[in-house]
Amino acid sequence: MERDDQLELFGVVAARLKQAHARVRALEIPEETRVVLSRRLLVITAASKHDLADAARRLDVLVADLDAGRIPAP
């Protein structure tokens, strides 16, 4: 049962990462800022291979920052 939950969480995180990448691409921001955000997403993707729950939390933080308009400086 735990493995099923893990697979379900993986699917959710993968879909959310895909949405976050699309959202970052659509932002009207300087290219340097886009690179910073893309790198954060790549770090989250890499983390998902080792600690899926931590990656989900990191993605939550990134999406909340985007929702609040907190875009990192380049």
PDB file of N, CA and C in Angstrom:
ATOM      1  N   MET A   1       0.825  -1.197   0.000  1.00  0.00           N
ATOM      2  CA  MET A   1       0.000   0.000   0.000  1.00  0.00           C
ATOM      3  C   MET A   1       0.866   1.256   0.000  1.00  0.00           C
ATOM      4  N   GLU A   2       1.969   1.227   0.742  1.00  0.00           N
ATOM      5  CA  GLU A   2       2.834   2.391   0.805  1.00  0.00           C
ATOM      6  C   GLU A   2       3.407   2.721  -0.570  1.00  0.00           C
ATOM      7  N   ARG A   3       3.738   1.688  -1.314  1.00  0.00           N
ATOM      8  CA  ARG A   3       4.285   1.896  -2.667  1.00  0.00           C
ATOM      9  C   ARG A   3       3.258   2.566  -3.569  1.00  0.00           C
ATOM     10  N   ASP A   4       1.986   2.195  -3.441  1.00  0.00           N
ATOM     11  CA  ASP A   4       0.933   2.834  -4.226  1.00  0.00           C
ATOM     12  C   ASP A   4       0.834   4.319  -3.889  1.00  0.00           C
ATOM     13  N   ASP A   5       0.929   4.636  -2.599  1.00  0.00           N
ATOM     14  CA  ASP A   5       0.885   6.031  -2.166  1.00  0.00           C
ATOM     15  C   ASP A   5       2.064   6.803  -2.729  1.00  0.00           C
ATOM     16  N   GLN A   6       3.232   6.174  -2.725  1.00  0.00           N
ATOM     17  CA  GLN A   6       4.442   6.799  -3.255  1.00  0.00           C
ATOM     18  C   GLN A   6       4.290   7.068  -4.756  1.00  0.00           C
ATOM     19  N   LEU A   7       3.745   6.109  -5.486  1.00  0.00           N
ATOM     20  CA  LEU A   7       3.534   6.294  -6.924  1.00  0.00           C
ATOM     21  C   LEU A   7       2.524   7.407  -7.194  1.00  0.00           C
ATOM     22  N   GLU A   8       1.494   7.461  -6.382  1.00  0.00           N
ATOM     23  CA  GLU A   8       0.490   8.513  -6.540  1.00  0.00           C
ATOM     24  C   GLU A   8       1.117   9.887  -6.280  1.00  0.00           C
ATOM     25  N   LEU A   9       1.907   9.990  -5.206  1.00  0.00           N
ATOM     26  CA  LEU A   9       2.576  11.247  -4.896  1.00  0.00           C
ATOM     27  C   LEU A   9       3.537  11.625  -6.020  1.00  0.00           C
ATOM     28  N   PHE A  10       4.251  10.655  -6.566  1.00  0.00           N
ATOM     29  CA  PHE A  10       5.157  10.924  -7.677  1.00  0.00           C
ATOM     30  C   PHE A  10       4.394  11.515  -8.858  1.00  0.00           C
ATOM     31  N   GLY A  11       3.253  10.946  -9.178  1.00  0.00           N
ATOM     32  CA  GLY A  11       2.437  11.470 -10.282  1.00  0.00           C
ATOM     33  C   GLY A  11       1.973  12.888 -10.035  1.00  0.00           C
ATOM     34  N   VAL A  12       1.577  13.169  -8.803  1.00  0.00           N
ATOM     35  CA  VAL A  12       1.120  14.514  -8.443  1.00  0.00           C
ATOM     36  C   VAL A  12       2.276  15.504  -8.552  1.00  0.00           C
ATOM     37  N   VAL A  13       3.431  15.154  -7.994  1.00  0.00           N
ATOM     38  CA  VAL A  13       4.589  16.041  -8.036  1.00  0.00           C
ATOM     39  C   VAL A  13       5.029  16.256  -9.474  1.00  0.00           C
ATOM     40  N   ALA A  14       5.052  15.219 -10.271  1.00  0.00           N
ATOM     41  CA  ALA A  14       5.456  15.346 -11.681  1.00  0.00           C
ATOM     42  C   ALA A  14       4.524  16.302 -12.429  1.00  0.00           C
ATOM     43  N   ALA A  15       3.234  16.170 -12.215  1.00  0.00           N
ATOM     44  CA  ALA A  15       2.267  17.054 -12.876  1.00  0.00           C
ATOM     45  C   ALA A  15       2.441  18.500 -12.414  1.00  0.00           C
ATOM     46  N   ARG A  16       2.668  18.678 -11.120  1.00  0.00           N
ATOM     47  CA  ARG A  16       2.857  20.036 -10.587  1.00  0.00           C
ATOM     48  C   ARG A  16       4.159  20.655 -11.084  1.00  0.00           C
ATOM     49  N   LEU A  17       5.209  19.842 -11.213  1.00  0.00           N
ATOM     50  CA  LEU A  17       6.466  20.352 -11.762  1.00  0.00           C
ATOM     51  C   LEU A  17       6.273  20.799 -13.209  1.00  0.00           C
ATOM     52  N   LYS A  18       5.531  20.020 -13.968  1.00  0.00           N
ATOM     53  CA  LYS A  18       5.254  20.373 -15.358  1.00  0.00           C
ATOM     54  C   LYS A  18       4.498  21.700 -15.422  1.00  0.00           C
ATOM     55  N   GLN A  19       3.505  21.877 -14.559  1.00  0.00           N
ATOM     56  CA  GLN A  19       2.751  23.126 -14.507  1.00  0.00           C
ATOM     57  C   GLN A  19       3.642  24.291 -14.097  1.00  0.00           C
ATOM     58  N   ALA A  20       4.515  24.063 -13.127  1.00  0.00           N
ATOM     59  CA  ALA A  20       5.403  25.127 -12.649  1.00  0.00           C
ATOM     60  C   ALA A  20       6.371  25.546 -13.752  1.00  0.00           C
ATOM     61  N   HIS A  21       6.907  24.577 -14.498  1.00  0.00           N
ATOM     62  CA  HIS A  21       7.796  24.910 -15.615  1.00  0.00           C
ATOM     63  C   HIS A  21       7.058  25.757 -16.651  1.00  0.00           C
ATOM     64  N   ALA A  22       5.836  25.387 -16.977  1.00  0.00           N
ATOM     65  CA  ALA A  22       5.047  26.153 -17.944  1.00  0.00           C
ATOM     66  C   ALA A  22       4.768  27.556 -17.418  1.00  0.00           C
ATOM     67  N   ARG A  23       4.492  27.638 -16.148  1.00  0.00           N
ATOM     68  CA  ARG A  23       4.209  28.937 -15.539  1.00  0.00           C
ATOM     69  C   ARG A  23       5.439  29.846 -15.585  1.00  0.00           C
ATOM     70  N   VAL A  24       6.602  29.295 -15.279  1.00  0.00           N
ATOM     71  CA  VAL A  24       7.838  30.078 -15.317  1.00  0.00           C
ATOM     72  C   VAL A  24       8.120  30.541 -16.750  1.00  0.00           C
ATOM     73  N   ARG A  25       7.903  29.660 -17.730  1.00  0.00           N
ATOM     74  CA  ARG A  25       8.115  30.037 -19.133  1.00  0.00           C
ATOM     75  C   ARG A  25       7.200  31.185 -19.551  1.00  0.00           C
ATOM     76  N   ALA A  26       5.997  31.228 -18.997  1.00  0.00           N
ATOM     77  CA  ALA A  26       5.007  32.233 -19.394  1.00  0.00           C
ATOM     78  C   ALA A  26       5.204  33.583 -18.701  1.00  0.00           C
ATOM     79  N   LEU A  27       5.996  33.626 -17.640  1.00  0.00           N
ATOM     80  CA  LEU A  27       6.201  34.876 -16.921  1.00  0.00           C
ATOM     81  C   LEU A  27       6.941  35.893 -17.786  1.00  0.00           C
ATOM     82  N   GLU A  28       6.539  37.132 -17.666  1.00  0.00           N
ATOM     83  CA  GLU A  28       7.234  38.226 -18.347  1.00  0.00           C
ATOM     84  C   GLU A  28       8.267  38.782 -17.382  1.00  0.00           C
ATOM     85  N   ILE A  29       9.422  38.133 -17.369  1.00  0.00           N
ATOM     86  CA  ILE A  29      10.506  38.470 -16.453  1.00  0.00           C
ATOM     87  C   ILE A  29      11.818  38.451 -17.226  1.00  0.00           C
ATOM     88  N   PRO A  30      12.840  39.095 -16.680  1.00  0.00           N
ATOM     89  CA  PRO A  30      14.145  39.036 -17.356  1.00  0.00           C
ATOM     90  C   PRO A  30      14.642  37.588 -17.473  1.00  0.00           C
ATOM     91  N   GLU A  31      15.406  37.343 -18.519  1.00  0.00           N
ATOM     92  CA  GLU A  31      15.911  35.985 -18.769  1.00  0.00           C
ATOM     93  C   GLU A  31      16.728  35.462 -17.591  1.00  0.00           C
ATOM     94  N   GLU A  32      17.501  36.342 -16.944  1.00  0.00           N
ATOM     95  CA  GLU A  32      18.322  35.918 -15.804  1.00  0.00           C
ATOM     96  C   GLU A  32      17.450  35.391 -14.667  1.00  0.00           C
ATOM     97  N   THR A  33      16.323  36.037 -14.458  1.00  0.00           N
ATOM     98  CA  THR A  33      15.392  35.603 -13.413  1.00  0.00           C
ATOM     99  C   THR A  33      14.758  34.271 -13.791  1.00  0.00           C
ATOM    100  N   ARG A  34      14.428  34.136 -15.062  1.00  0.00           N
ATOM    101  CA  ARG A  34      13.851  32.877 -15.546  1.00  0.00           C
ATOM    102  C   ARG A  34      14.841  31.726 -15.325  1.00  0.00           C
ATOM    103  N   VAL A  35      16.121  31.990 -15.548  1.00  0.00           N
ATOM    104  CA  VAL A  35      17.152  30.972 -15.342  1.00  0.00           C
ATOM    105  C   VAL A  35      17.206  30.571 -13.870  1.00  0.00           C
ATOM    106  N   VAL A  36      17.121  31.552 -12.970  1.00  0.00           N
ATOM    107  CA  VAL A  36      17.138  31.263 -11.525  1.00  0.00           C
ATOM    108  C   VAL A  36      15.963  30.361 -11.163  1.00  0.00           C
ATOM    109  N   LEU A  37      14.779  30.701 -11.640  1.00  0.00           N
ATOM    110  CA  LEU A  37      13.589  29.896 -11.336  1.00  0.00           C
ATOM    111  C   LEU A  37      13.680  28.504 -11.968  1.00  0.00           C
ATOM    112  N   SER A  38      14.184  28.436 -13.184  1.00  0.00           N
ATOM    113  CA  SER A  38      14.336  27.128 -13.840  1.00  0.00           C
ATOM    114  C   SER A  38      15.307  26.242 -13.083  1.00  0.00           C
ATOM    115  N   ARG A  39      16.367  26.838 -12.585  1.00  0.00           N
ATOM    116  CA  ARG A  39      17.323  26.056 -11.794  1.00  0.00           C
ATOM    117  C   ARG A  39      16.688  25.548 -10.506  1.00  0.00           C
ATOM    118  N   ARG A  40      15.873  26.383  -9.879  1.00  0.00           N
ATOM    119  CA  ARG A  40      15.171  25.917  -8.668  1.00  0.00           C
ATOM    120  C   ARG A  40      14.289  24.717  -9.001  1.00  0.00           C
ATOM    121  N   LEU A  41      13.614  24.789 -10.129  1.00  0.00           N
ATOM    122  CA  LEU A  41      12.764  23.667 -10.529  1.00  0.00           C
ATOM    123  C   LEU A  41      13.597  22.421 -10.826  1.00  0.00           C
ATOM    124  N   LEU A  42      14.754  22.600 -11.421  1.00  0.00           N
ATOM    125  CA  LEU A  42      15.620  21.444 -11.685  1.00  0.00           C
ATOM    126  C   LEU A  42      16.129  20.830 -10.386  1.00  0.00           C
ATOM    127  N   VAL A  43      16.428  21.654  -9.394  1.00  0.00           N
ATOM    128  CA  VAL A  43      16.851  21.142  -8.086  1.00  0.00           C
ATOM    129  C   VAL A  43      15.716  20.342  -7.451  1.00  0.00           C
ATOM    130  N   ILE A  44      14.500  20.861  -7.558  1.00  0.00           N
ATOM    131  CA  ILE A  44      13.345  20.149  -7.000  1.00  0.00           C
ATOM    132  C   ILE A  44      13.152  18.819  -7.727  1.00  0.00           C
ATOM    133  N   THR A  45      13.315  18.833  -9.040  1.00  0.00           N
ATOM    134  CA  THR A  45      13.195  17.597  -9.821  1.00  0.00           C
ATOM    135  C   THR A  45      14.222  16.571  -9.372  1.00  0.00           C
ATOM    136  N   ALA A  46      15.464  17.015  -9.203  1.00  0.00           N
ATOM    137  CA  ALA A  46      16.517  16.104  -8.745  1.00  0.00           C
ATOM    138  C   ALA A  46      16.219  15.593  -7.341  1.00  0.00           C
ATOM    139  N   ALA A  47      15.727  16.455  -6.471  1.00  0.00           N
ATOM    140  CA  ALA A  47      15.404  16.046  -5.100  1.00  0.00           C
ATOM    141  C   ALA A  47      14.286  15.004  -5.077  1.00  0.00           C
ATOM    142  N   SER A  48      13.392  15.087  -6.046  1.00  0.00           N
ATOM    143  CA  SER A  48      12.264  14.147  -6.074  1.00  0.00           C
ATOM    144  C   SER A  48      12.725  12.708  -6.277  1.00  0.00           C
ATOM    145  N   LYS A  49      13.914  12.534  -6.829  1.00  0.00           N
ATOM    146  CA  LYS A  49      14.444  11.188  -7.046  1.00  0.00           C
ATOM    147  C   LYS A  49      14.951  10.555  -5.758  1.00  0.00           C
ATOM    148  N   HIS A  50      15.204  11.395  -4.744  1.00  0.00           N
ATOM    149  CA  HIS A  50      15.768  10.902  -3.489  1.00  0.00           C
ATOM    150  C   HIS A  50      14.811  11.033  -2.315  1.00  0.00           C
ATOM    151  N   ASP A  51      14.031  12.119  -2.307  1.00  0.00           N
ATOM    152  CA  ASP A  51      13.101  12.378  -1.202  1.00  0.00           C
ATOM    153  C   ASP A  51      11.879  13.081  -1.772  1.00  0.00           C
ATOM    154  N   LEU A  52      10.925  12.287  -2.162  1.00  0.00           N
ATOM    155  CA  LEU A  52       9.743  12.806  -2.846  1.00  0.00           C
ATOM    156  C   LEU A  52       8.949  13.769  -1.974  1.00  0.00           C
ATOM    157  N   ALA A  53       8.799  13.467  -0.710  1.00  0.00           N
ATOM    158  CA  ALA A  53       8.039  14.347   0.180  1.00  0.00           C
ATOM    159  C   ALA A  53       8.724  15.704   0.326  1.00  0.00           C
ATOM    160  N   ASP A  54      10.049  15.715   0.443  1.00  0.00           N
ATOM    161  CA  ASP A  54      10.793  16.969   0.538  1.00  0.00           C
ATOM    162  C   ASP A  54      10.652  17.764  -0.758  1.00  0.00           C
ATOM    163  N   ALA A  55      10.712  17.094  -1.880  1.00  0.00           N
ATOM    164  CA  ALA A  55      10.551  17.778  -3.163  1.00  0.00           C
ATOM    165  C   ALA A  55       9.164  18.408  -3.256  1.00  0.00           C
ATOM    166  N   ALA A  56       8.151  17.707  -2.788  1.00  0.00           N
ATOM    167  CA  ALA A  56       6.793  18.253  -2.801  1.00  0.00           C
ATOM    168  C   ALA A  56       6.714  19.505  -1.938  1.00  0.00           C
ATOM    169  N   ARG A  57       7.368  19.484  -0.766  1.00  0.00           N
ATOM    170  CA  ARG A  57       7.375  20.668   0.106  1.00  0.00           C
ATOM    171  C   ARG A  57       8.104  21.826  -0.567  1.00  0.00           C
ATOM    172  N   ARG A  58       9.240  21.552  -1.190  1.00  0.00           N
ATOM    173  CA  ARG A  58       9.991  22.602  -1.890  1.00  0.00           C
ATOM    174  C   ARG A  58       9.159  23.204  -3.020  1.00  0.00           C
ATOM    175  N   LEU A  59       8.451  22.347  -3.729  1.00  0.00           N
ATOM    176  CA  LEU A  59       7.599  22.829  -4.814  1.00  0.00           C
ATOM    177  C   LEU A  59       6.466  23.686  -4.269  1.00  0.00           C
ATOM    178  N   ASP A  60       5.890  23.298  -3.141  1.00  0.00           N
ATOM    179  CA  ASP A  60       4.858  24.107  -2.492  1.00  0.00           C
ATOM    180  C   ASP A  60       5.375  25.510  -2.201  1.00  0.00           C
ATOM    181  N   VAL A  61       6.596  25.592  -1.684  1.00  0.00           N
ATOM    182  CA  VAL A  61       7.182  26.889  -1.346  1.00  0.00           C
ATOM    183  C   VAL A  61       7.383  27.724  -2.609  1.00  0.00           C
ATOM    184  N   LEU A  62       7.924  27.117  -3.645  1.00  0.00           N
ATOM    185  CA  LEU A  62       8.155  27.845  -4.892  1.00  0.00           C
ATOM    186  C   LEU A  62       6.842  28.352  -5.486  1.00  0.00           C
ATOM    187  N   VAL A  63       5.838  27.509  -5.530  1.00  0.00           N
ATOM    188  CA  VAL A  63       4.545  27.910  -6.093  1.00  0.00           C
ATOM    189  C   VAL A  63       3.913  29.006  -5.236  1.00  0.00           C
ATOM    190  N   ALA A  64       4.023  28.902  -3.922  1.00  0.00           N
ATOM    191  CA  ALA A  64       3.491  29.947  -3.041  1.00  0.00           C
ATOM    192  C   ALA A  64       4.207  31.273  -3.293  1.00  0.00           C
ATOM    193  N   ASP A  65       5.512  31.220  -3.498  1.00  0.00           N
ATOM    194  CA  ASP A  65       6.265  32.436  -3.816  1.00  0.00           C
ATOM    195  C   ASP A  65       5.769  33.052  -5.123  1.00  0.00           C
ATOM    196  N   LEU A  66       5.570  32.218  -6.131  1.00  0.00           N
ATOM    197  CA  LEU A  66       5.061  32.724  -7.397  1.00  0.00           C
ATOM    198  C   LEU A  66       3.664  33.308  -7.239  1.00  0.00           C
ATOM    199  N   ASP A  67       2.811  32.622  -6.483  1.00  0.00           N
ATOM    200  CA  ASP A  67       1.453  33.109  -6.245  1.00  0.00           C
ATOM    201  C   ASP A  67       1.449  34.476  -5.564  1.00  0.00           C
ATOM    202  N   ALA A  68       2.410  34.676  -4.656  1.00  0.00           N
ATOM    203  CA  ALA A  68       2.489  35.923  -3.895  1.00  0.00           C
ATOM    204  C   ALA A  68       3.275  36.996  -4.646  1.00  0.00           C
ATOM    205  N   GLY A  69       3.766  36.666  -5.832  1.00  0.00           N
ATOM    206  CA  GLY A  69       4.513  37.633  -6.600  1.00  0.00           C
ATOM    207  C   GLY A  69       5.947  37.812  -6.143  1.00  0.00           C
ATOM    208  N   ARG A  70       6.431  36.871  -5.330  1.00  0.00           N
ATOM    209  CA  ARG A  70       7.810  36.946  -4.863  1.00  0.00           C
ATOM    210  C   ARG A  70       8.715  36.269  -5.891  1.00  0.00           C
ATOM    211  N   ILE A  71       9.218  37.074  -6.790  1.00  0.00           N
ATOM    212  CA  ILE A  71      10.090  36.590  -7.855  1.00  0.00           C
ATOM    213  C   ILE A  71      11.526  36.924  -7.433  1.00  0.00           C
ATOM    214  N   PRO A  72      12.428  35.955  -7.432  1.00  0.00           N
ATOM    215  CA  PRO A  72      13.793  36.222  -6.986  1.00  0.00           C
ATOM    216  C   PRO A  72      14.529  37.178  -7.926  1.00  0.00           C
ATOM    217  N   ALA A  73      15.418  37.940  -7.353  1.00  0.00           N
ATOM    218  CA  ALA A  73      16.265  38.819  -8.163  1.00  0.00           C
ATOM    219  C   ALA A  73      17.314  37.967  -8.877  1.00  0.00           C
ATOM    220  N   PRO A  74      17.686  38.392 -10.071  1.00  0.00           N
ATOM    221  CA  PRO A  74      18.707  37.617 -10.810  1.00  0.00           C
ATOM    222  C   PRO A  74      20.061  37.649 -10.137  1.00  0.00           C
TER     223      PRO A  74
END
